[in-house]
Amino acid sequence: PLVLDLFSDGQNNKCPHFYTESDNALAQDWA
């Protein structure tokens, strides 16, 4: 199961948990 969408706009997320552009996924600890 995929539970975290790394690159979403807050409306097109495919997973219940997600990052948006304002979070900057490249600054986050995904693991």
Full PDB file with SEQRES, HELIX, SHEET, SSBOND, CRYST1, ORIGX, SCALE, CONECT and MASTER records, all heavy atoms in Angstrom:
SEQRES   1 A   31  PRO LEU VAL LEU ASP LEU PHE SER ASP GLY GLN ASN ASN          
SEQRES   2 A   31  LYS CYS PRO HIS PHE TYR THR GLU SER ASP ASN ALA LEU          
SEQRES   3 A   31  ALA GLN ASP TRP ALA                                          
HELIX    1 AA1 ALA A   25  ALA A   27  5                                   3    
SHEET    1 AA1 2 LEU A   4  ASP A   5  0                                        
SHEET    2 AA1 2 HIS A  17  PHE A  18  1                                        
CRYST1    1.000    1.000    1.000  90.00  90.00  90.00 P 1           1          
ORIGX1      1.000000  0.000000  0.000000        0.00000                         
ORIGX2      0.000000  1.000000  0.000000        0.00000                         
ORIGX3      0.000000  0.000000  1.000000        0.00000                         
SCALE1      1.000000  0.000000  0.000000        0.00000                         
SCALE2      0.000000  1.000000  0.000000        0.00000                         
SCALE3      0.000000  0.000000  1.000000        0.00000                         
ATOM      1  N   PRO A   1       0.813  -1.220   0.000  1.00  0.00           N  
ATOM      2  CA  PRO A   1       0.000   0.000   0.000  1.00  0.00           C  
ATOM      3  C   PRO A   1       0.848   1.272   0.000  1.00  0.00           C  
ATOM      4  O   PRO A   1       1.858   1.345   0.698  1.00  0.00           O  
ATOM      5  CB  PRO A   1      -0.805  -0.112   1.291  1.00  0.00           C  
ATOM      6  CG  PRO A   1       0.084  -0.923   2.207  1.00  0.00           C  
ATOM      7  CD  PRO A   1       0.774  -1.913   1.309  1.00  0.00           C  
ATOM      8  N   LEU A   2       0.414   2.258  -0.782  1.00  0.00           N  
ATOM      9  CA  LEU A   2       1.092   3.547  -0.880  1.00  0.00           C  
ATOM     10  C   LEU A   2       0.295   4.562  -0.070  1.00  0.00           C  
ATOM     11  O   LEU A   2      -0.888   4.778  -0.318  1.00  0.00           O  
ATOM     12  CB  LEU A   2       1.205   3.970  -2.344  1.00  0.00           C  
ATOM     13  CG  LEU A   2       1.921   2.955  -3.239  1.00  0.00           C  
ATOM     14  CD1 LEU A   2       1.889   3.386  -4.695  1.00  0.00           C  
ATOM     15  CD2 LEU A   2       3.364   2.737  -2.777  1.00  0.00           C  
ATOM     16  N   VAL A   3       0.956   5.165   0.902  1.00  0.00           N  
ATOM     17  CA  VAL A   3       0.245   5.988   1.886  1.00  0.00           C  
ATOM     18  C   VAL A   3       0.703   7.445   1.904  1.00  0.00           C  
ATOM     19  O   VAL A   3       0.080   8.277   2.560  1.00  0.00           O  
ATOM     20  CB  VAL A   3       0.398   5.391   3.299  1.00  0.00           C  
ATOM     21  CG1 VAL A   3      -0.245   4.007   3.361  1.00  0.00           C  
ATOM     22  CG2 VAL A   3       1.867   5.305   3.717  1.00  0.00           C  
ATOM     23  N   LEU A   4       1.795   7.756   1.207  1.00  0.00           N  
ATOM     24  CA  LEU A   4       2.358   9.108   1.241  1.00  0.00           C  
ATOM     25  C   LEU A   4       2.632   9.583  -0.178  1.00  0.00           C  
ATOM     26  O   LEU A   4       3.429   8.977  -0.890  1.00  0.00           O  
ATOM     27  CB  LEU A   4       3.660   9.116   2.055  1.00  0.00           C  
ATOM     28  CG  LEU A   4       4.455  10.421   2.100  1.00  0.00           C  
ATOM     29  CD1 LEU A   4       3.651  11.526   2.785  1.00  0.00           C  
ATOM     30  CD2 LEU A   4       5.801  10.214   2.810  1.00  0.00           C  
ATOM     31  N   ASP A   5       1.957  10.660  -0.602  1.00  0.00           N  
ATOM     32  CA  ASP A   5       2.180  11.264  -1.920  1.00  0.00           C  
ATOM     33  C   ASP A   5       3.243  12.345  -1.755  1.00  0.00           C  
ATOM     34  O   ASP A   5       3.031  13.330  -1.037  1.00  0.00           O  
ATOM     35  CB  ASP A   5       0.873  11.861  -2.454  1.00  0.00           C  
ATOM     36  CG  ASP A   5       0.933  12.192  -3.938  1.00  0.00           C  
ATOM     37  OD1 ASP A   5       2.024  12.551  -4.415  1.00  0.00           O  
ATOM     38  OD2 ASP A   5      -0.104  12.108  -4.607  1.00  0.00           O  
ATOM     39  N   LEU A   6       4.368  12.159  -2.419  1.00  0.00           N  
ATOM     40  CA  LEU A   6       5.507  13.051  -2.212  1.00  0.00           C  
ATOM     41  C   LEU A   6       5.371  14.391  -2.918  1.00  0.00           C  
ATOM     42  O   LEU A   6       5.911  15.400  -2.456  1.00  0.00           O  
ATOM     43  CB  LEU A   6       6.791  12.359  -2.684  1.00  0.00           C  
ATOM     44  CG  LEU A   6       7.136  11.049  -1.971  1.00  0.00           C  
ATOM     45  CD1 LEU A   6       8.356  10.408  -2.619  1.00  0.00           C  
ATOM     46  CD2 LEU A   6       7.377  11.288  -0.489  1.00  0.00           C  
ATOM     47  N   PHE A   7       4.659  14.428  -4.061  1.00  0.00           N  
ATOM     48  CA  PHE A   7       4.573  15.660  -4.846  1.00  0.00           C  
ATOM     49  C   PHE A   7       3.108  15.893  -5.259  1.00  0.00           C  
ATOM     50  O   PHE A   7       2.675  15.411  -6.302  1.00  0.00           O  
ATOM     51  CB  PHE A   7       5.453  15.580  -6.100  1.00  0.00           C  
ATOM     52  CG  PHE A   7       6.913  15.356  -5.797  1.00  0.00           C  
ATOM     53  CD1 PHE A   7       7.452  14.083  -5.795  1.00  0.00           C  
ATOM     54  CD2 PHE A   7       7.751  16.425  -5.497  1.00  0.00           C  
ATOM     55  CE1 PHE A   7       8.795  13.861  -5.513  1.00  0.00           C  
ATOM     56  CE2 PHE A   7       9.091  16.225  -5.208  1.00  0.00           C  
ATOM     57  CZ  PHE A   7       9.613  14.939  -5.221  1.00  0.00           C  
ATOM     58  N   SER A   8       2.377  16.609  -4.439  1.00  0.00           N  
ATOM     59  CA  SER A   8       0.982  16.898  -4.754  1.00  0.00           C  
ATOM     60  C   SER A   8       0.741  18.403  -4.668  1.00  0.00           C  
ATOM     61  O   SER A   8       1.588  19.157  -4.179  1.00  0.00           O  
ATOM     62  CB  SER A   8       0.041  16.161  -3.789  1.00  0.00           C  
ATOM     63  OG  SER A   8      -0.188  16.933  -2.631  1.00  0.00           O  
ATOM     64  N   ASP A   9      -0.434  18.828  -5.141  1.00  0.00           N  
ATOM     65  CA  ASP A   9      -0.791  20.243  -5.007  1.00  0.00           C  
ATOM     66  C   ASP A   9      -1.846  20.449  -3.923  1.00  0.00           C  
ATOM     67  O   ASP A   9      -2.422  21.521  -3.797  1.00  0.00           O  
ATOM     68  CB  ASP A   9      -1.282  20.818  -6.345  1.00  0.00           C  
ATOM     69  CG  ASP A   9      -2.573  20.185  -6.838  1.00  0.00           C  
ATOM     70  OD1 ASP A   9      -3.176  19.384  -6.097  1.00  0.00           O  
ATOM     71  OD2 ASP A   9      -2.984  20.501  -7.973  1.00  0.00           O  
ATOM     72  N   GLY A  10      -2.086  19.398  -3.142  1.00  0.00           N  
ATOM     73  CA  GLY A  10      -3.082  19.492  -2.083  1.00  0.00           C  
ATOM     74  C   GLY A  10      -4.475  19.120  -2.533  1.00  0.00           C  
ATOM     75  O   GLY A  10      -5.374  18.946  -1.708  1.00  0.00           O  
ATOM     76  N   GLN A  11      -4.664  18.972  -3.862  1.00  0.00           N  
ATOM     77  CA  GLN A  11      -5.964  18.576  -4.400  1.00  0.00           C  
ATOM     78  C   GLN A  11      -5.861  17.301  -5.229  1.00  0.00           C  
ATOM     79  O   GLN A  11      -6.830  16.548  -5.324  1.00  0.00           O  
ATOM     80  CB  GLN A  11      -6.541  19.696  -5.277  1.00  0.00           C  
ATOM     81  CG  GLN A  11      -6.839  20.978  -4.521  1.00  0.00           C  
ATOM     82  CD  GLN A  11      -7.387  22.059  -5.440  1.00  0.00           C  
ATOM     83  OE1 GLN A  11      -7.114  22.066  -6.638  1.00  0.00           O  
ATOM     84  NE2 GLN A  11      -8.146  22.969  -4.868  1.00  0.00           N  
ATOM     85  N   ASN A  12      -4.689  17.053  -5.806  1.00  0.00           N  
ATOM     86  CA  ASN A  12      -4.538  15.891  -6.681  1.00  0.00           C  
ATOM     87  C   ASN A  12      -3.820  14.729  -5.994  1.00  0.00           C  
ATOM     88  O   ASN A  12      -3.364  13.803  -6.654  1.00  0.00           O  
ATOM     89  CB  ASN A  12      -3.783  16.278  -7.961  1.00  0.00           C  
ATOM     90  CG  ASN A  12      -2.358  16.738  -7.689  1.00  0.00           C  
ATOM     91  OD1 ASN A  12      -1.884  16.739  -6.558  1.00  0.00           O  
ATOM     92  ND2 ASN A  12      -1.660  17.126  -8.733  1.00  0.00           N  
ATOM     93  N   ASN A  13      -3.717  14.777  -4.670  1.00  0.00           N  
ATOM     94  CA  ASN A  13      -2.993  13.719  -3.953  1.00  0.00           C  
ATOM     95  C   ASN A  13      -3.702  12.384  -4.120  1.00  0.00           C  
ATOM     96  O   ASN A  13      -4.925  12.285  -4.125  1.00  0.00           O  
ATOM     97  CB  ASN A  13      -2.862  14.067  -2.475  1.00  0.00           C  
ATOM     98  CG  ASN A  13      -4.191  14.346  -1.805  1.00  0.00           C  
ATOM     99  OD1 ASN A  13      -4.799  15.380  -2.083  1.00  0.00           O  
ATOM    100  ND2 ASN A  13      -4.624  13.462  -0.932  1.00  0.00           N  
ATOM    101  N   LYS A  14      -2.904  11.329  -4.258  1.00  0.00           N  
ATOM    102  CA  LYS A  14      -3.416   9.972  -4.418  1.00  0.00           C  
ATOM    103  C   LYS A  14      -3.381   9.186  -3.113  1.00  0.00           C  
ATOM    104  O   LYS A  14      -3.931   8.082  -3.056  1.00  0.00           O  
ATOM    105  CB  LYS A  14      -2.591   9.224  -5.474  1.00  0.00           C  
ATOM    106  CG  LYS A  14      -2.573   9.896  -6.837  1.00  0.00           C  
ATOM    107  CD  LYS A  14      -3.969  10.025  -7.421  1.00  0.00           C  
ATOM    108  CE  LYS A  14      -3.943  10.661  -8.787  1.00  0.00           C  
ATOM    109  NZ  LYS A  14      -5.308  10.880  -9.322  1.00  0.00           N  
ATOM    110  N   CYS A  15      -2.755   9.729  -2.095  1.00  0.00           N  
ATOM    111  CA  CYS A  15      -2.578   9.030  -0.829  1.00  0.00           C  
ATOM    112  C   CYS A  15      -3.151   9.872   0.305  1.00  0.00           C  
ATOM    113  O   CYS A  15      -3.267  11.104   0.176  1.00  0.00           O  
ATOM    114  CB  CYS A  15      -1.093   8.767  -0.568  1.00  0.00           C  
ATOM    115  SG  CYS A  15      -0.255   7.880  -1.903  1.00  0.00           S  
ATOM    116  N   PRO A  16      -3.492   9.239   1.432  1.00  0.00           N  
ATOM    117  CA  PRO A  16      -4.066  10.003   2.548  1.00  0.00           C  
ATOM    118  C   PRO A  16      -3.101  11.002   3.172  1.00  0.00           C  
ATOM    119  O   PRO A  16      -3.525  12.018   3.720  1.00  0.00           O  
ATOM    120  CB  PRO A  16      -4.470   8.918   3.548  1.00  0.00           C  
ATOM    121  CG  PRO A  16      -3.657   7.715   3.181  1.00  0.00           C  
ATOM    122  CD  PRO A  16      -3.476   7.789   1.697  1.00  0.00           C  
ATOM    123  N   HIS A  17      -1.814  10.737   3.068  1.00  0.00           N  
ATOM    124  CA  HIS A  17      -0.796  11.668   3.560  1.00  0.00           C  
ATOM    125  C   HIS A  17      -0.035  12.205   2.354  1.00  0.00           C  
ATOM    126  O   HIS A  17       0.221  11.467   1.397  1.00  0.00           O  
ATOM    127  CB  HIS A  17       0.161  10.970   4.515  1.00  0.00           C  
ATOM    128  CG  HIS A  17      -0.521  10.324   5.685  1.00  0.00           C  
ATOM    129  ND1 HIS A  17      -0.771  10.981   6.862  1.00  0.00           N  
ATOM    130  CD2 HIS A  17      -1.037   9.059   5.840  1.00  0.00           C  
ATOM    131  CE1 HIS A  17      -1.395  10.171   7.706  1.00  0.00           C  
ATOM    132  NE2 HIS A  17      -1.567   9.003   7.107  1.00  0.00           N  
ATOM    133  N   PHE A  18       0.346  13.479   2.398  1.00  0.00           N  
ATOM    134  CA  PHE A  18       0.993  14.067   1.226  1.00  0.00           C  
ATOM    135  C   PHE A  18       1.755  15.332   1.585  1.00  0.00           C  
ATOM    136  O   PHE A  18       1.503  15.972   2.606  1.00  0.00           O  
ATOM    137  CB  PHE A  18      -0.054  14.390   0.152  1.00  0.00           C  
ATOM    138  CG  PHE A  18      -1.190  15.265   0.639  1.00  0.00           C  
ATOM    139  CD1 PHE A  18      -1.113  16.652   0.583  1.00  0.00           C  
ATOM    140  CD2 PHE A  18      -2.347  14.691   1.168  1.00  0.00           C  
ATOM    141  CE1 PHE A  18      -2.149  17.444   1.039  1.00  0.00           C  
ATOM    142  CE2 PHE A  18      -3.399  15.488   1.626  1.00  0.00           C  
ATOM    143  CZ  PHE A  18      -3.293  16.871   1.557  1.00  0.00           C  
ATOM    144  N   TYR A  19       2.721  15.651   0.697  1.00  0.00           N  
ATOM    145  CA  TYR A  19       3.416  16.925   0.745  1.00  0.00           C  
ATOM    146  C   TYR A  19       2.922  17.784  -0.415  1.00  0.00           C  
ATOM    147  O   TYR A  19       2.597  17.267  -1.487  1.00  0.00           O  
ATOM    148  CB  TYR A  19       4.934  16.741   0.582  1.00  0.00           C  
ATOM    149  CG  TYR A  19       5.606  15.928   1.654  1.00  0.00           C  
ATOM    150  CD1 TYR A  19       6.391  14.830   1.330  1.00  0.00           C  
ATOM    151  CD2 TYR A  19       5.490  16.273   3.000  1.00  0.00           C  
ATOM    152  CE1 TYR A  19       7.036  14.083   2.302  1.00  0.00           C  
ATOM    153  CE2 TYR A  19       6.130  15.537   3.983  1.00  0.00           C  
ATOM    154  CZ  TYR A  19       6.898  14.441   3.635  1.00  0.00           C  
ATOM    155  OH  TYR A  19       7.528  13.706   4.602  1.00  0.00           O  
ATOM    156  N   THR A  20       2.897  19.102  -0.199  1.00  0.00           N  
ATOM    157  CA  THR A  20       2.582  20.033  -1.271  1.00  0.00           C  
ATOM    158  C   THR A  20       3.831  20.836  -1.612  1.00  0.00           C  
ATOM    159  O   THR A  20       4.875  20.689  -0.977  1.00  0.00           O  
ATOM    160  CB  THR A  20       1.452  20.993  -0.857  1.00  0.00           C  
ATOM    161  OG1 THR A  20       1.933  21.854   0.195  1.00  0.00           O  
ATOM    162  CG2 THR A  20       0.230  20.230  -0.365  1.00  0.00           C  
ATOM    163  N   GLU A  21       3.694  21.723  -2.601  1.00  0.00           N  
ATOM    164  CA  GLU A  21       4.838  22.548  -2.996  1.00  0.00           C  
ATOM    165  C   GLU A  21       5.353  23.385  -1.825  1.00  0.00           C  
ATOM    166  O   GLU A  21       6.547  23.650  -1.710  1.00  0.00           O  
ATOM    167  CB  GLU A  21       4.468  23.476  -4.154  1.00  0.00           C  
ATOM    168  CG  GLU A  21       4.086  22.766  -5.438  1.00  0.00           C  
ATOM    169  CD  GLU A  21       2.574  22.648  -5.594  1.00  0.00           C  
ATOM    170  OE1 GLU A  21       1.857  22.681  -4.566  1.00  0.00           O  
ATOM    171  OE2 GLU A  21       2.108  22.519  -6.748  1.00  0.00           O  
ATOM    172  N   SER A  22       4.456  23.815  -0.951  1.00  0.00           N  
ATOM    173  CA  SER A  22       4.873  24.657   0.172  1.00  0.00           C  
ATOM    174  C   SER A  22       5.624  23.874   1.242  1.00  0.00           C  
ATOM    175  O   SER A  22       6.296  24.469   2.099  1.00  0.00           O  
ATOM    176  CB  SER A  22       3.663  25.361   0.800  1.00  0.00           C  
ATOM    177  OG  SER A  22       2.738  24.417   1.298  1.00  0.00           O  
ATOM    178  N   ASP A  23       5.517  22.539   1.209  1.00  0.00           N  
ATOM    179  CA  ASP A  23       6.297  21.711   2.140  1.00  0.00           C  
ATOM    180  C   ASP A  23       7.706  21.470   1.625  1.00  0.00           C  
ATOM    181  O   ASP A  23       8.616  21.224   2.420  1.00  0.00           O  
ATOM    182  CB  ASP A  23       5.618  20.342   2.337  1.00  0.00           C  
ATOM    183  CG  ASP A  23       4.254  20.454   2.990  1.00  0.00           C  
ATOM    184  OD1 ASP A  23       4.146  21.162   4.002  1.00  0.00           O  
ATOM    185  OD2 ASP A  23       3.302  19.833   2.475  1.00  0.00           O  
ATOM    186  N   ASN A  24       7.873  21.485   0.298  1.00  0.00           N  
ATOM    187  CA  ASN A  24       9.128  21.128  -0.371  1.00  0.00           C  
ATOM    188  C   ASN A  24       9.565  19.725   0.042  1.00  0.00           C  
ATOM    189  O   ASN A  24      10.276  19.524   1.035  1.00  0.00           O  
ATOM    190  CB  ASN A  24      10.245  22.123  -0.090  1.00  0.00           C  
ATOM    191  CG  ASN A  24      11.511  21.787  -0.894  1.00  0.00           C  
ATOM    192  OD1 ASN A  24      11.472  21.001  -1.831  1.00  0.00           O  
ATOM    193  ND2 ASN A  24      12.627  22.390  -0.525  1.00  0.00           N  
ATOM    194  N   ALA A  25       9.144  18.757  -0.741  1.00  0.00           N  
ATOM    195  CA  ALA A  25       9.458  17.356  -0.442  1.00  0.00           C  
ATOM    196  C   ALA A  25      10.952  17.104  -0.310  1.00  0.00           C  
ATOM    197  O   ALA A  25      11.373  16.203   0.426  1.00  0.00           O  
ATOM    198  CB  ALA A  25       8.875  16.448  -1.534  1.00  0.00           C  
ATOM    199  N   LEU A  26      11.773  17.906  -1.006  1.00  0.00           N  
ATOM    200  CA  LEU A  26      13.220  17.697  -0.952  1.00  0.00           C  
ATOM    201  C   LEU A  26      13.830  18.157   0.368  1.00  0.00           C  
ATOM    202  O   LEU A  26      15.018  17.925   0.617  1.00  0.00           O  
ATOM    203  CB  LEU A  26      13.899  18.410  -2.123  1.00  0.00           C  
ATOM    204  CG  LEU A  26      13.467  17.951  -3.515  1.00  0.00           C  
ATOM    205  CD1 LEU A  26      14.357  18.578  -4.573  1.00  0.00           C  
ATOM    206  CD2 LEU A  26      13.494  16.436  -3.634  1.00  0.00           C  
ATOM    207  N   ALA A  27      13.023  18.792   1.207  1.00  0.00           N  
ATOM    208  CA  ALA A  27      13.489  19.198   2.536  1.00  0.00           C  
ATOM    209  C   ALA A  27      12.914  18.300   3.619  1.00  0.00           C  
ATOM    210  O   ALA A  27      13.123  18.554   4.811  1.00  0.00           O  
ATOM    211  CB  ALA A  27      13.094  20.650   2.807  1.00  0.00           C  
ATOM    212  N   GLN A  28      12.211  17.234   3.219  1.00  0.00           N  
ATOM    213  CA  GLN A  28      11.528  16.369   4.174  1.00  0.00           C  
ATOM    214  C   GLN A  28      12.234  15.025   4.331  1.00  0.00           C  
ATOM    215  O   GLN A  28      12.906  14.548   3.416  1.00  0.00           O  
ATOM    216  CB  GLN A  28      10.084  16.124   3.714  1.00  0.00           C  
ATOM    217  CG  GLN A  28       9.269  17.385   3.493  1.00  0.00           C  
ATOM    218  CD  GLN A  28       9.071  18.199   4.758  1.00  0.00           C  
ATOM    219  OE1 GLN A  28       8.999  17.652   5.863  1.00  0.00           O  
ATOM    220  NE2 GLN A  28       8.990  19.514   4.611  1.00  0.00           N  
ATOM    221  N   ASP A  29      12.051  14.431   5.496  1.00  0.00           N  
ATOM    222  CA  ASP A  29      12.569  13.088   5.782  1.00  0.00           C  
ATOM    223  C   ASP A  29      11.448  12.092   5.506  1.00  0.00           C  
ATOM    224  O   ASP A  29      10.603  11.835   6.360  1.00  0.00           O  
ATOM    225  CB  ASP A  29      13.022  13.013   7.243  1.00  0.00           C  
ATOM    226  CG  ASP A  29      13.776  11.710   7.550  1.00  0.00           C  
ATOM    227  OD1 ASP A  29      13.458  10.676   6.917  1.00  0.00           O  
ATOM    228  OD2 ASP A  29      14.651  11.724   8.429  1.00  0.00           O  
ATOM    229  N   TRP A  30      11.437  11.539   4.290  1.00  0.00           N  
ATOM    230  CA  TRP A  30      10.360  10.634   3.885  1.00  0.00           C  
ATOM    231  C   TRP A  30      10.354   9.359   4.719  1.00  0.00           C  
ATOM    232  O   TRP A  30       9.283   8.865   5.096  1.00  0.00           O  
ATOM    233  CB  TRP A  30      10.498  10.266   2.408  1.00  0.00           C  
ATOM    234  CG  TRP A  30      10.603  11.422   1.471  1.00  0.00           C  
ATOM    235  CD1 TRP A  30      10.313  12.737   1.727  1.00  0.00           C  
ATOM    236  CD2 TRP A  30      11.041  11.368   0.110  1.00  0.00           C  
ATOM    237  NE1 TRP A  30      10.546  13.499   0.606  1.00  0.00           N  
ATOM    238  CE2 TRP A  30      10.998  12.699  -0.393  1.00  0.00           C  
ATOM    239  CE3 TRP A  30      11.477  10.343  -0.725  1.00  0.00           C  
ATOM    240  CZ2 TRP A  30      11.362  13.007  -1.720  1.00  0.00           C  
ATOM    241  CZ3 TRP A  30      11.838  10.638  -2.036  1.00  0.00           C  
ATOM    242  CH2 TRP A  30      11.773  11.962  -2.525  1.00  0.00           C  
ATOM    243  N   ALA A  31      11.525   8.816   4.980  1.00  0.00           N  
ATOM    244  CA  ALA A  31      11.615   7.567   5.726  1.00  0.00           C  
ATOM    245  C   ALA A  31      11.032   7.732   7.127  1.00  0.00           C  
ATOM    246  O   ALA A  31      10.293   6.869   7.617  1.00  0.00           O  
ATOM    247  CB  ALA A  31      13.068   7.100   5.803  1.00  0.00           C  
TER     248      ALA A  31                                                      
MASTER        0    0    0    1    2    0    0    6  247    1    0    3          
END                                                                             
